[in-house]
């Protein structure tokens, strides 16, 4: 593969003197001239970088490091970075480990600090496939038998619109000059139902948006969306009254406002969803199957409340050095932990198994097959389940698929365009977990579940060994991701939300699911700082007790996250609060 020759580095230094005060567009033109036979893009230029590409290589010219040795590019999660090197160095297959991190929220280029030369650092990235395919709007090769999701990561945004990759939102829709554009390829022509998932406040209600594909144009008047998270965060699915006609082949779709109400942001968009008649029929049949398979949640409601613990490889002790994860697993005192939980009055525990970094506190061979050495000899989960079971406390496993773990996503197949391998690995892991713990594993709580997943297959895997297991797929403040779950994940965080009954009504964002909420009481979910105390309780005890009583009255189960140290102990202040709660709720 052709790359720059060393003499060009001298040219770079000379050009930097001439371009020190140029605008981004002017700098981009200079960079284009340096490349000569490369093409503009594939990423839009910023104050920090400009890019060009040729075939499967992307060249990233750093303009300003902003004091850090990291450059964040748009996320690429459908093709792996094969090689990465600093221009002038020899391409080496070991470099991706050192130079590149692929995450759903961004593609990070990280260089050694001594290579932070603000004027002439150029990083080359070799990807799988042609780099031109990353130019936005990216082509969505749709399967008309499934819903087509048009999201911000594939859209070309104009007029100052902003895509936030963490929550997957298009934000900042404030004028009629802004637009989002997608390209979709479908095999046959047809009429598609359009569903918009967005948040719209009272002031912007009545604003009108236009969706156009060629000469086919439909409009939608924004309606105020309801929920529990606040005006700009109450996301609902809105089914448009008109269908959109798509032609066979590649269609270009644009979304823009043609009438604005109010002076603030009109809406925040999560996704446009296109549904063919065949897909609509299949979705209705899937919903019926899901409703028939849902587990009985009566025991969950009877439990009233439970506690959650984020105990991970990143959890720190109160004082001193952190142990390795296997060592911490080996030394964890489950008897003391179970006694502590019993004093809280909790009816169940949600405990992190894999969280973020894909380490499992037990011997799960299907994980070892993906990356050897990511499990533990001691079965901490099994020991904990048994200790809690003796005290009449059920166990629910928190599970994260590890998309923030670079080594895991690389080995498991997440960064491939076809993610079949990734989900086959996940189904194998869930099946083995289900068989290992059987009826004593009461449920799962899944985090970070983006919408394009084989939910029905994953749901079936979760029921292995116990068909009555209850399952939730966390969709944060967004409407539920799938019908194939039993209770609402309800990540409320640091606010005492109490969604009204309409939220779980047949037409609500969490229709058909057992109401449930999850808050944290002290640290923000986990204790991730060395030599520090767990934060003090964030709620007054009387307010917390009143909130739990209201939840119970509405049969909405509430989970309270208590931060813990690496040895499994908790804050005395939070423990005192939980004992007071237990006294009021349990009467003992």
Protein backbone atom coordinates (compact mmCIF):
# COMPACT_ATOMS: atom_id res chain seq x y z
CA UNK A 1 0.00 0.00 0.00
CA UNK A 2 1.37 3.40 -0.99
CA UNK A 3 2.16 5.75 1.91
CA UNK A 4 4.05 9.04 2.25
CA UNK A 5 7.80 9.00 1.76
CA UNK A 6 10.17 10.57 4.27
CA UNK A 7 10.99 13.70 2.18
CA UNK A 8 7.37 14.80 2.48
CA UNK A 9 7.87 15.25 6.22
CA UNK A 10 10.29 18.06 5.40
CA UNK A 11 7.61 19.60 3.20
CA UNK A 12 5.13 19.37 6.08
CA UNK A 13 7.44 21.44 8.30
CA UNK A 14 7.77 24.13 5.64
CA UNK A 15 4.06 24.23 5.00
CA UNK A 16 3.32 24.65 8.71
CA UNK A 17 5.12 27.99 8.80
CA UNK A 18 2.89 29.17 5.95
CA UNK A 19 -0.37 27.77 7.38
CA UNK A 20 -0.09 28.64 11.06
CA UNK A 21 -2.89 31.24 10.91
CA UNK A 22 -5.08 29.72 8.19
CA UNK A 23 -8.73 28.83 8.66
CA UNK A 24 -9.84 25.18 8.88
CA UNK A 25 -10.96 25.19 5.26
CA UNK A 26 -7.67 26.75 4.13
CA UNK A 27 -5.68 24.25 6.17
CA UNK A 28 -7.72 21.45 4.64
CA UNK A 29 -6.86 22.68 1.16
CA UNK A 30 -3.16 22.72 2.03
CA UNK A 31 -3.46 19.21 3.38
CA UNK A 32 -5.20 18.12 0.18
CA UNK A 33 -2.29 19.53 -1.81
CA UNK A 34 0.17 17.64 0.36
CA UNK A 35 -1.68 14.40 -0.32
CA UNK A 36 -1.95 15.15 -4.06
CA UNK A 37 -3.70 11.95 -5.11
CA UNK A 38 -5.90 11.51 -2.06
CA UNK A 39 -9.54 12.49 -1.62
CA UNK A 40 -11.20 14.88 0.80
CA UNK A 41 -12.59 13.32 3.97
CA UNK A 42 -14.02 10.93 4.99
CA UNK A 43 -14.54 12.90 8.22
CA UNK A 44 -15.60 16.54 8.34
CA UNK A 45 -12.71 18.85 9.34
CA UNK A 46 -12.62 20.34 12.83
CA UNK A 47 -10.36 22.76 14.68
CA UNK A 48 -8.31 19.74 15.77
CA UNK A 49 -7.85 17.78 12.54
CA UNK A 50 -8.45 17.39 8.83
CA UNK A 51 -8.57 14.09 6.97
CA UNK A 52 -8.05 12.72 3.48
CA UNK A 53 -8.19 9.17 2.21
CA UNK A 54 -7.10 6.89 -0.58
CA UNK A 55 -8.63 3.44 -1.03
CA UNK A 56 -8.62 1.86 2.46
CA UNK A 57 -6.27 4.33 4.21
CA UNK A 58 -7.40 7.43 6.10
CA UNK A 59 -4.84 10.14 6.82
CA UNK A 60 -5.50 12.24 9.92
CA UNK A 61 -3.56 15.51 10.05
CA UNK A 62 -3.56 16.93 13.60
CA UNK A 63 -3.94 20.72 13.70
CA UNK A 64 -4.27 21.23 17.45
CA UNK A 65 -3.85 18.67 20.23
CA UNK A 66 -5.68 20.90 22.73
CA UNK A 67 -3.19 19.86 25.37
CA UNK A 68 -4.01 16.12 25.12
CA UNK A 69 -2.43 13.29 23.16
CA UNK A 70 -5.85 12.06 22.03
CA UNK A 71 -7.86 12.91 18.93
CA UNK A 72 -11.51 11.82 18.84
CA UNK A 73 -12.89 10.94 15.40
CA UNK A 74 -16.47 9.90 14.60
CA UNK A 75 -17.37 6.39 15.69
CA UNK A 76 -16.74 3.47 13.33
CA UNK A 77 -18.19 0.19 14.62
CA UNK A 78 -18.92 -1.71 11.44
CA UNK A 79 -15.38 -2.39 10.24
CA UNK A 80 -12.15 -2.90 12.15
CA UNK A 81 -9.05 -0.75 11.95
CA UNK A 82 -6.50 -3.17 10.51
CA UNK A 83 -3.36 -1.09 10.94
CA UNK A 84 -2.45 2.33 12.29
CA UNK A 85 0.84 4.19 12.19
CA UNK A 86 2.33 7.63 12.47
CA UNK A 87 3.39 8.87 9.08
CA UNK A 88 7.08 8.23 8.54
CA UNK A 89 6.99 5.07 10.69
CA UNK A 90 6.71 1.56 9.29
CA UNK A 91 3.15 0.17 9.29
CA UNK A 92 2.91 -2.44 12.01
CA UNK A 93 0.03 -4.71 12.98
CA UNK A 94 0.78 -4.09 16.66
CA UNK A 95 0.01 -0.38 16.35
CA UNK A 96 -3.81 -0.53 16.72
CA UNK A 97 -3.33 -1.59 20.34
CA UNK A 98 -1.21 1.52 20.93
CA UNK A 99 -2.76 4.07 18.59
CA UNK A 100 -6.46 3.29 18.14
CA UNK A 101 -9.48 2.58 20.32
CA UNK A 102 -12.79 1.77 18.62
CA UNK A 103 -15.84 2.53 20.76
CA UNK A 104 -19.50 3.18 19.91
CA UNK A 105 -19.04 6.75 21.15
CA UNK A 106 -15.93 7.53 19.13
CA UNK A 107 -12.79 6.39 17.30
CA UNK A 108 -9.84 7.50 19.42
CA UNK A 109 -6.34 8.06 18.07
CA UNK A 110 -3.83 8.05 20.92
CA UNK A 111 -0.14 8.82 20.38
CA UNK A 112 2.79 8.83 22.79
CA UNK A 113 3.17 12.28 24.36
CA UNK A 114 6.58 12.73 22.75
CA UNK A 115 4.88 12.47 19.31
CA UNK A 116 2.54 15.41 20.03
CA UNK A 117 4.00 17.71 17.41
CA UNK A 118 1.15 20.12 16.90
CA UNK A 119 2.37 20.96 13.43
CA UNK A 120 3.17 17.77 11.60
CA UNK A 121 1.70 14.69 13.23
CA UNK A 122 -0.14 12.64 10.62
CA UNK A 123 -1.67 9.30 11.57
CA UNK A 124 -2.58 6.74 8.92
CA UNK A 125 -5.47 4.34 9.58
CA UNK A 126 -6.05 1.32 7.38
CA UNK A 127 -9.64 0.08 7.57
CA UNK A 128 -11.48 -2.92 6.23
CA UNK A 129 -13.14 -1.85 2.95
CA UNK A 130 -12.99 1.48 1.16
CA UNK A 131 -12.76 4.60 3.29
CA UNK A 132 -15.20 6.39 0.98
CA UNK A 133 -17.98 4.34 2.57
CA UNK A 134 -17.51 6.35 5.77
CA UNK A 135 -18.45 9.65 4.12
CA UNK A 136 -21.76 10.94 5.48
CA UNK A 137 -24.50 10.41 4.73
CA UNK A 138 -23.40 6.80 4.97
CA UNK A 139 -25.23 4.26 2.85
CA UNK A 140 -27.64 2.11 4.87
CA UNK A 141 -28.06 -1.20 3.09
CA UNK A 142 -31.51 -1.97 4.44
CA UNK A 143 -33.24 -5.28 4.90
CA UNK A 144 -36.91 -4.51 4.13
CA UNK A 145 -38.00 -7.47 6.28
CA UNK A 146 -36.78 -5.51 9.32
CA UNK A 147 -37.36 -1.99 10.56
CA UNK A 148 -34.86 0.48 9.07
CA UNK A 149 -33.27 2.76 11.67
CA UNK A 150 -32.03 6.16 10.52
CA UNK A 151 -29.84 7.50 13.31
CA UNK A 152 -27.40 10.32 13.82
CA UNK A 153 -24.26 8.25 13.31
CA UNK A 154 -25.09 7.74 9.61
CA UNK A 155 -26.53 11.18 8.88
CA UNK A 156 -24.97 14.21 7.24
CA UNK A 157 -25.88 17.16 9.46
CA UNK A 158 -26.12 20.73 8.18
CA UNK A 159 -26.61 24.14 9.74
CA UNK A 160 -24.95 23.44 13.08
CA UNK A 161 -26.86 20.33 14.10
CA UNK A 162 -24.93 18.23 16.59
CA UNK A 163 -24.78 14.46 16.93
CA UNK A 164 -24.04 13.23 20.44
CA UNK A 165 -22.79 9.62 20.15
CA UNK A 166 -23.17 8.70 23.84
CA UNK A 167 -26.98 8.97 23.95
CA UNK A 168 -27.27 8.70 20.13
CA UNK A 169 -29.15 11.99 19.74
CA UNK A 170 -29.28 14.69 17.07
CA UNK A 171 -29.46 17.93 19.05
CA UNK A 172 -29.59 21.68 18.52
CA UNK A 173 -32.53 21.84 16.10
CA UNK A 174 -33.22 25.58 16.32
CA UNK A 175 -33.67 26.93 12.78
CA UNK A 176 -35.25 26.27 9.40
CA UNK A 177 -31.79 26.22 7.78
CA UNK A 178 -30.79 22.94 9.40
CA UNK A 179 -31.20 19.47 7.93
CA UNK A 180 -30.25 15.84 8.43
CA UNK A 181 -29.75 13.62 5.37
CA UNK A 182 -29.54 9.83 5.06
CA UNK A 183 -28.99 7.41 2.16
CA UNK A 184 -30.91 4.13 2.19
CA UNK A 185 -30.73 1.28 -0.29
CA UNK A 186 -33.78 -0.97 -0.63
CA UNK A 187 -34.21 -3.84 -3.12
CA UNK A 188 -37.79 -3.01 -4.16
CA UNK A 189 -40.02 0.03 -4.21
CA UNK A 190 -42.72 0.39 -1.58
CA UNK A 191 -44.62 2.52 0.93
CA UNK A 192 -43.04 2.70 4.38
CA UNK A 193 -44.64 3.70 7.64
CA UNK A 194 -42.53 6.37 9.37
CA UNK A 195 -42.00 6.51 13.12
CA UNK A 196 -40.10 9.38 14.74
CA UNK A 197 -38.64 8.99 18.22
CA UNK A 198 -38.04 12.46 19.60
CA UNK A 199 -38.37 14.76 22.59
CA UNK A 200 -40.38 17.98 22.21
CA UNK A 201 -41.20 20.49 24.93
CA UNK A 202 -44.38 22.52 25.35
CA UNK A 203 -42.99 25.68 23.74
CA UNK A 204 -42.01 23.95 20.49
CA UNK A 205 -45.23 21.98 20.04
CA UNK A 206 -46.73 22.71 16.65
CA UNK A 207 -43.42 23.07 14.81
CA UNK A 208 -43.61 21.29 11.47
CA UNK A 209 -40.98 19.01 9.96
CA UNK A 210 -40.73 17.74 6.41
CA UNK A 211 -39.37 14.36 5.36
CA UNK A 212 -38.49 14.15 1.69
CA UNK A 213 -37.25 11.38 -0.57
CA UNK A 214 -37.02 12.72 -4.11
CA UNK A 215 -40.47 14.06 -5.02
CA UNK A 216 -42.11 12.14 -2.20
CA UNK A 217 -42.69 14.51 0.72
CA UNK A 218 -44.57 14.05 3.99
CA UNK A 219 -44.88 16.36 6.97
CA UNK A 220 -45.26 15.98 10.72
CA UNK A 221 -46.41 18.53 13.28
CA UNK A 222 -44.49 18.06 16.50
CA UNK A 223 -46.53 17.08 19.53
CA UNK A 224 -45.41 17.53 23.11
CA UNK A 225 -43.81 14.31 24.32
CA UNK A 226 -44.46 12.89 27.77
CA UNK A 227 -42.26 10.97 30.15
CA UNK A 228 -40.43 11.36 33.41
CA UNK A 229 -37.10 12.97 32.46
CA UNK A 230 -38.12 16.56 31.65
CA UNK A 231 -39.13 18.57 28.56
CA UNK A 232 -36.02 18.08 26.46
CA UNK A 233 -35.58 14.46 27.58
CA UNK A 234 -39.10 13.00 27.35
CA UNK A 235 -38.74 10.73 24.32
CA UNK A 236 -41.74 9.14 22.66
CA UNK A 237 -42.39 7.25 19.44
CA UNK A 238 -44.72 9.16 17.15
CA UNK A 239 -46.29 7.33 14.20
CA UNK A 240 -46.68 9.69 11.26
CA UNK A 241 -50.05 9.77 9.52
CA UNK A 242 -48.56 9.55 6.01
CA UNK A 243 -46.38 6.84 4.51
CA UNK A 244 -43.18 7.59 2.62
CA UNK A 245 -42.63 6.00 -0.77
CA UNK A 246 -39.13 4.65 -1.45
CA UNK A 247 -37.81 3.65 -4.85
CA UNK A 248 -35.81 0.52 -5.61
CA UNK A 249 -32.11 1.25 -5.18
CA UNK A 250 -30.53 4.14 -3.31
CA UNK A 251 -32.86 6.75 -1.78
CA UNK A 252 -31.75 10.05 -0.27
CA UNK A 253 -33.94 11.15 2.64
CA UNK A 254 -33.84 14.58 4.24
CA UNK A 255 -35.43 15.87 7.43
CA UNK A 256 -35.83 19.60 8.02
CA UNK A 257 -38.11 22.02 9.84
CA UNK A 258 -40.44 24.14 7.69
CA UNK A 259 -42.25 25.91 10.56
CA UNK A 260 -40.93 26.79 14.00
CA UNK A 261 -42.85 27.48 17.19
CA UNK A 262 -41.14 29.09 20.15
CA UNK A 263 -37.59 30.38 20.38
CA UNK A 264 -35.75 27.37 21.78
CA UNK A 265 -34.73 23.96 20.45
CA UNK A 266 -37.61 22.38 18.55
CA UNK A 267 -36.77 18.77 19.25
CA UNK A 268 -34.09 16.22 19.94
CA UNK A 269 -34.20 13.28 17.56
CA UNK A 270 -33.24 9.73 18.44
CA UNK A 271 -34.26 7.95 15.26
CA UNK A 272 -36.44 7.82 12.19
CA UNK A 273 -37.75 4.31 11.75
CA UNK A 274 -39.07 3.05 8.40
CA UNK A 275 -41.40 0.07 8.45
CA UNK A 276 -42.56 -1.84 5.38
CA UNK A 277 -45.97 -3.61 5.39
CA UNK A 278 -44.25 -7.00 5.70
CA UNK A 279 -42.16 -5.75 8.60
CA UNK A 280 -45.26 -4.33 10.30
CA UNK A 281 -46.92 -7.72 10.15
CA UNK A 282 -43.80 -9.44 11.49
CA UNK A 283 -43.53 -6.91 14.34
CA UNK A 284 -47.14 -7.53 15.38
CA UNK A 285 -46.54 -11.29 15.40
CA UNK A 286 -43.35 -10.81 17.43
CA UNK A 287 -45.22 -8.68 19.95
CA UNK A 288 -47.78 -11.41 20.43
CA UNK A 289 -45.01 -13.98 20.97
CA UNK A 290 -43.30 -11.71 23.50
CA UNK A 291 -46.49 -11.13 25.46
CA UNK A 292 -47.14 -14.87 25.68
CA UNK A 293 -43.61 -15.54 26.95
CA UNK A 294 -43.33 -12.84 29.61
CA UNK A 295 -42.45 -14.15 33.04
CA UNK A 296 -44.60 -13.65 36.12
CA UNK A 297 -43.29 -10.67 38.08
CA UNK A 298 -45.48 -11.11 41.17
CA UNK A 299 -42.49 -12.03 43.35
CA UNK A 300 -40.72 -8.91 42.12
CA UNK A 301 -43.64 -6.68 43.13
CA UNK A 302 -43.87 -8.47 46.49
CA UNK A 303 -40.18 -7.75 47.09
CA UNK A 304 -41.03 -3.99 47.00
CA UNK A 305 -37.41 -2.88 46.77
CA UNK A 306 -33.91 -4.18 46.24
CA UNK A 307 -30.31 -3.02 46.27
CA UNK A 308 -27.71 -2.90 43.53
CA UNK A 309 -23.91 -2.99 43.65
CA UNK A 310 -21.48 -1.93 40.94
CA UNK A 311 -18.52 -4.12 41.88
CA UNK A 312 -16.09 -4.15 38.96
CA UNK A 313 -12.38 -4.34 38.08
CA UNK A 314 -12.41 -0.56 38.54
CA UNK A 315 -13.74 -0.63 42.13
CA UNK A 316 -11.27 0.75 44.67
CA UNK A 317 -10.68 -0.15 48.31
CA UNK A 318 -11.29 2.46 51.00
CA UNK A 319 -7.53 2.82 51.49
CA UNK A 320 -4.41 1.42 49.89
CA UNK A 321 -3.66 -0.35 46.65
CA UNK A 322 -6.31 -2.01 44.54
CA UNK A 323 -6.09 -5.79 44.21
CA UNK A 324 -6.19 -7.50 40.86
CA UNK A 325 -9.70 -8.58 39.91
CA UNK A 326 -9.05 -12.35 40.37
CA UNK A 327 -7.45 -11.66 43.77
CA UNK A 328 -10.39 -9.47 44.83
CA UNK A 329 -12.79 -12.22 43.74
CA UNK A 330 -10.86 -14.79 45.75
CA UNK A 331 -10.92 -12.66 48.92
CA UNK A 332 -14.54 -11.42 48.74
CA UNK A 333 -16.44 -12.27 51.97
CA UNK A 334 -19.89 -13.34 50.75
CA UNK A 335 -21.18 -14.14 54.26
CA UNK A 336 -20.48 -10.62 55.50
CA UNK A 337 -21.91 -9.24 52.26
CA UNK A 338 -25.13 -11.27 52.57
CA UNK A 339 -25.51 -10.23 56.22
CA UNK A 340 -25.17 -6.58 55.19
CA UNK A 341 -27.78 -6.95 52.44
CA UNK A 342 -30.17 -8.62 54.88
CA UNK A 343 -29.94 -5.58 57.15
CA UNK A 344 -31.08 -3.31 54.30
CA UNK A 345 -34.38 -5.20 54.06
CA UNK A 346 -33.87 -5.70 50.32
CA UNK A 347 -35.89 -8.45 48.65
CA UNK A 348 -33.30 -8.94 45.91
CA UNK A 349 -29.79 -7.93 44.82
CA UNK A 350 -28.68 -6.75 41.38
CA UNK A 351 -24.93 -7.38 41.15
CA UNK A 352 -22.57 -6.62 38.28
CA UNK A 353 -21.05 -9.67 36.62
CA UNK A 354 -19.32 -8.34 33.50
CA UNK A 355 -19.44 -4.54 33.58
CA UNK A 356 -17.67 -2.48 30.94
CA UNK A 357 -14.40 -4.41 31.00
CA UNK A 358 -15.33 -8.00 30.20
CA UNK A 359 -14.16 -9.80 33.35
CA UNK A 360 -16.45 -12.44 34.88
CA UNK A 361 -16.20 -13.35 38.59
CA UNK A 362 -16.59 -17.05 37.89
CA UNK A 363 -15.45 -19.86 35.54
CA UNK A 364 -17.46 -19.27 32.34
CA UNK A 365 -15.80 -21.18 29.52
CA UNK A 366 -17.62 -19.42 26.69
CA UNK A 367 -15.89 -16.19 27.77
CA UNK A 368 -12.52 -17.96 27.90
CA UNK A 369 -13.04 -19.07 24.30
CA UNK A 370 -13.22 -15.44 23.18
CA UNK A 371 -10.36 -14.10 25.33
CA UNK A 372 -8.46 -16.52 27.59
CA UNK A 373 -7.82 -15.28 31.11
CA UNK A 374 -10.93 -13.11 31.51
CA UNK A 375 -12.64 -15.33 34.11
CA UNK A 376 -11.89 -16.38 37.69
CA UNK A 377 -11.30 -19.76 39.29
CA UNK A 378 -13.59 -18.97 42.22
CA UNK A 379 -17.29 -18.83 41.38
CA UNK A 380 -18.09 -15.68 43.34
CA UNK A 381 -21.53 -15.37 41.72
CA UNK A 382 -22.47 -18.92 42.74
CA UNK A 383 -21.21 -18.40 46.30
CA UNK A 384 -23.09 -15.11 46.57
CA UNK A 385 -26.31 -16.59 45.18
CA UNK A 386 -26.18 -19.39 47.77
CA UNK A 387 -25.48 -17.01 50.67
CA UNK A 388 -28.33 -14.70 49.68
CA UNK A 389 -30.70 -17.60 49.01
CA UNK A 390 -30.28 -18.81 52.61
CA UNK A 391 -31.57 -15.41 53.71
CA UNK A 392 -34.54 -15.41 51.32
CA UNK A 393 -32.99 -12.81 49.02
CA UNK A 394 -33.10 -13.30 45.25
CA UNK A 395 -30.25 -12.57 42.86
CA UNK A 396 -30.46 -10.66 39.55
CA UNK A 397 -27.36 -10.40 37.36
CA UNK A 398 -26.32 -7.13 35.79
CA UNK A 399 -24.79 -7.91 32.39
CA UNK A 400 -22.92 -5.60 30.04
CA UNK A 401 -21.82 -6.80 26.60
CA UNK A 402 -18.43 -5.09 26.92
CA UNK A 403 -18.57 -2.63 24.02
CA UNK A 404 -16.29 -0.28 25.96
CA UNK A 405 -13.60 -2.96 26.21
CA UNK A 406 -11.39 -2.54 23.15
CA UNK A 407 -9.81 -5.99 23.36
CA UNK A 408 -13.20 -7.65 23.87
CA UNK A 409 -15.00 -5.99 20.94
CA UNK A 410 -12.05 -6.77 18.70
CA UNK A 411 -11.97 -10.46 19.68
CA UNK A 412 -15.73 -11.01 19.88
CA UNK A 413 -16.62 -9.49 16.49
CA UNK A 414 -18.47 -6.32 17.52
CA UNK A 415 -16.59 -4.10 15.07
CA UNK A 416 -17.54 -6.20 12.05
CA UNK A 417 -20.31 -5.07 9.71
CA UNK A 418 -22.00 -8.43 10.21
CA UNK A 419 -22.25 -8.78 13.99
CA UNK A 420 -23.49 -12.38 13.89
CA UNK A 421 -20.30 -13.64 15.53
CA UNK A 422 -20.64 -11.12 18.37
CA UNK A 423 -24.21 -12.13 19.20
CA UNK A 424 -23.45 -15.84 18.85
CA UNK A 425 -20.76 -15.34 21.49
CA UNK A 426 -23.19 -13.48 23.71
CA UNK A 427 -25.88 -16.14 23.37
CA UNK A 428 -23.36 -18.84 24.26
CA UNK A 429 -22.31 -16.91 27.38
CA UNK A 430 -25.91 -16.33 28.50
CA UNK A 431 -26.80 -19.96 27.90
CA UNK A 432 -23.86 -21.18 29.98
CA UNK A 433 -24.69 -18.73 32.78
CA UNK A 434 -28.31 -19.86 32.76
CA UNK A 435 -27.42 -23.55 32.96
CA UNK A 436 -24.82 -22.96 35.67
CA UNK A 437 -27.06 -21.06 38.10
CA UNK A 438 -30.45 -22.51 37.20
CA UNK A 439 -33.49 -21.50 39.23
CA UNK A 440 -31.39 -19.54 41.72
CA UNK A 441 -30.66 -16.89 39.09
CA UNK A 442 -33.89 -14.88 39.26
CA UNK A 443 -33.24 -12.40 36.49
CA UNK A 444 -31.03 -10.25 34.24
CA UNK A 445 -30.62 -6.50 33.93
CA UNK A 446 -28.88 -5.68 30.64
CA UNK A 447 -27.12 -2.37 30.05
CA UNK A 448 -26.33 -0.44 26.84
CA UNK A 449 -28.76 -2.13 24.47
CA UNK A 450 -28.74 -0.29 21.16
CA UNK A 451 -31.80 -1.07 18.98
CA UNK A 452 -30.44 -3.25 16.14
CA UNK A 453 -30.00 -6.50 18.03
CA UNK A 454 -31.50 -10.02 17.81
CA UNK A 455 -33.51 -9.41 20.97
CA UNK A 456 -35.77 -12.43 20.63
CA UNK A 457 -32.78 -14.79 20.35
CA UNK A 458 -31.04 -13.12 23.30
CA UNK A 459 -34.25 -13.31 25.33
CA UNK A 460 -34.54 -17.04 24.66
CA UNK A 461 -30.94 -17.52 25.81
CA UNK A 462 -31.65 -15.68 29.09
CA UNK A 463 -34.36 -18.20 29.94
CA UNK A 464 -32.02 -21.20 29.76
CA UNK A 465 -32.20 -23.09 33.03
CA UNK A 466 -35.10 -21.02 34.37
CA UNK A 467 -37.96 -19.97 32.06
CA UNK A 468 -39.36 -17.76 34.86
CA UNK A 469 -36.30 -15.48 34.91
CA UNK A 470 -37.24 -11.82 34.58
CA UNK A 471 -35.32 -9.74 32.05
CA UNK A 472 -34.87 -6.02 31.37
CA UNK A 473 -32.97 -4.33 28.51
CA UNK A 474 -31.92 -0.84 29.54
CA UNK A 475 -32.96 1.87 27.06
CA UNK A 476 -32.20 4.74 29.49
CA UNK A 477 -34.77 7.56 29.06
CA UNK A 478 -35.75 6.31 25.60
CA UNK A 479 -38.78 4.14 24.85
CA UNK A 480 -38.23 0.42 25.30
CA UNK A 481 -35.88 -1.17 22.78
CA UNK A 482 -37.79 -4.42 22.44
CA UNK A 483 -40.95 -6.28 23.36
CA UNK A 484 -38.84 -9.23 24.47
CA UNK A 485 -38.38 -8.29 28.10
CA UNK A 486 -40.37 -8.58 31.31
CA UNK A 487 -39.75 -5.43 33.36
CA UNK A 488 -38.69 -1.85 32.69
CA UNK A 489 -34.98 -1.17 33.33
CA UNK A 490 -35.78 2.29 34.70
CA UNK A 491 -32.38 3.98 34.98
CA UNK A 492 -33.44 7.11 36.94
CA UNK A 493 -30.00 7.96 38.35
CA UNK A 494 -30.01 10.73 40.94
CA UNK A 495 -33.64 11.80 40.57
CA UNK A 496 -36.68 10.41 42.36
CA UNK A 497 -38.78 9.92 39.25
CA UNK A 498 -42.26 8.52 39.51
CA UNK A 499 -43.64 7.92 35.99
CA UNK A 500 -47.40 8.07 35.83
CA UNK A 501 -49.45 5.07 34.82
CA UNK A 502 -49.65 6.28 31.21
CA UNK A 503 -45.96 5.54 30.80
CA UNK A 504 -46.74 1.82 31.11
CA UNK A 505 -50.14 1.94 29.41
CA UNK A 506 -50.76 0.04 26.15
CA UNK A 507 -49.66 3.10 24.15
CA UNK A 508 -46.93 4.27 26.52
CA UNK A 509 -43.13 4.21 26.01
CA UNK A 510 -42.80 1.15 28.28
CA UNK A 511 -46.09 -0.55 27.38
CA UNK A 512 -46.66 -3.98 28.85
CA UNK A 513 -43.63 -4.04 31.14
CA UNK A 514 -43.58 -4.37 34.92
CA UNK A 515 -42.85 -0.85 36.30
CA UNK A 516 -39.42 -0.58 37.88
CA UNK A 517 -36.97 2.21 38.64
CA UNK A 518 -33.31 2.41 39.60
CA UNK A 519 -31.56 5.19 41.53
CA UNK A 520 -28.18 5.58 43.22
CA UNK A 521 -27.83 6.65 46.84
CA UNK A 522 -24.25 7.95 47.23
CA UNK A 523 -21.44 7.62 44.66
CA UNK A 524 -22.43 7.86 41.00
CA UNK A 525 -23.03 4.11 40.62
CA UNK A 526 -19.50 2.91 41.50
CA UNK A 527 -16.61 3.80 43.80
CA UNK A 528 -13.87 4.49 41.28
CA UNK A 529 -11.43 6.70 43.20
CA UNK A 530 -8.43 5.60 45.29
CA UNK A 531 -8.03 6.50 48.96
CA UNK A 532 -11.40 8.23 49.23
CA UNK A 533 -14.58 7.70 51.20
CA UNK A 534 -17.84 6.79 49.50
CA UNK A 535 -19.86 9.98 48.94
CA UNK A 536 -22.49 10.87 51.57
CA UNK A 537 -26.15 10.02 50.85
CA UNK A 538 -27.62 12.33 48.22
CA UNK A 539 -31.24 12.10 49.44
CA UNK A 540 -32.68 13.03 52.81
CA UNK A 541 -33.83 9.87 54.54
CA UNK A 542 -37.41 11.11 54.97
CA UNK A 543 -37.65 11.97 51.25
CA UNK A 544 -36.22 8.59 50.27
CA UNK A 545 -38.67 6.73 52.50
CA UNK A 546 -41.59 8.75 51.15
CA UNK A 547 -40.47 8.01 47.58
CA UNK A 548 -40.18 4.26 48.19
CA UNK A 549 -43.63 4.24 49.78
CA UNK A 550 -45.09 5.98 46.72
CA UNK A 551 -43.39 3.46 44.43
CA UNK A 552 -44.80 0.57 46.44
CA UNK A 553 -48.29 2.10 46.34
CA UNK A 554 -48.07 2.13 42.53
CA UNK A 555 -46.54 -1.36 42.40
CA UNK A 556 -43.41 0.09 40.84
CA UNK A 557 -40.45 -1.87 42.18
CA UNK A 558 -37.48 0.33 43.08
CA UNK A 559 -33.79 -0.62 43.09
CA UNK A 560 -31.30 1.49 45.08
CA UNK A 561 -27.64 1.38 44.16
CA UNK A 562 -25.28 1.40 47.13
CA UNK A 563 -21.67 2.07 46.29
CA UNK A 564 -19.22 -0.40 47.81
CA UNK A 565 -15.48 -0.73 48.34
CA UNK A 566 -13.42 -3.50 46.77
CA UNK A 567 -13.93 -5.73 49.84
CA UNK A 568 -17.73 -5.45 49.45
CA UNK A 569 -18.31 -3.13 52.42
CA UNK A 570 -20.50 -0.04 52.14
CA UNK A 571 -20.78 3.44 53.60
CA UNK A 572 -21.99 3.48 57.26
CA UNK A 573 -24.06 6.59 56.47
CA UNK A 574 -25.86 4.90 53.56
CA UNK A 575 -26.28 1.74 55.64
CA UNK A 576 -27.93 3.75 58.43
CA UNK A 577 -30.33 5.24 55.88
CA UNK A 578 -31.23 1.79 54.56
CA UNK A 579 -31.86 0.46 58.07
CA UNK A 580 -34.28 3.33 58.68
CA UNK A 581 -36.00 2.51 55.40
CA UNK A 582 -36.21 -1.17 56.31
CA UNK A 583 -37.79 -0.31 59.67
CA UNK A 584 -40.54 1.74 58.02
CA UNK A 585 -41.24 -0.57 55.06
CA UNK A 586 -40.72 -4.00 56.62
CA UNK A 587 -41.80 -3.17 60.15
CA UNK A 588 -38.78 -4.93 61.64
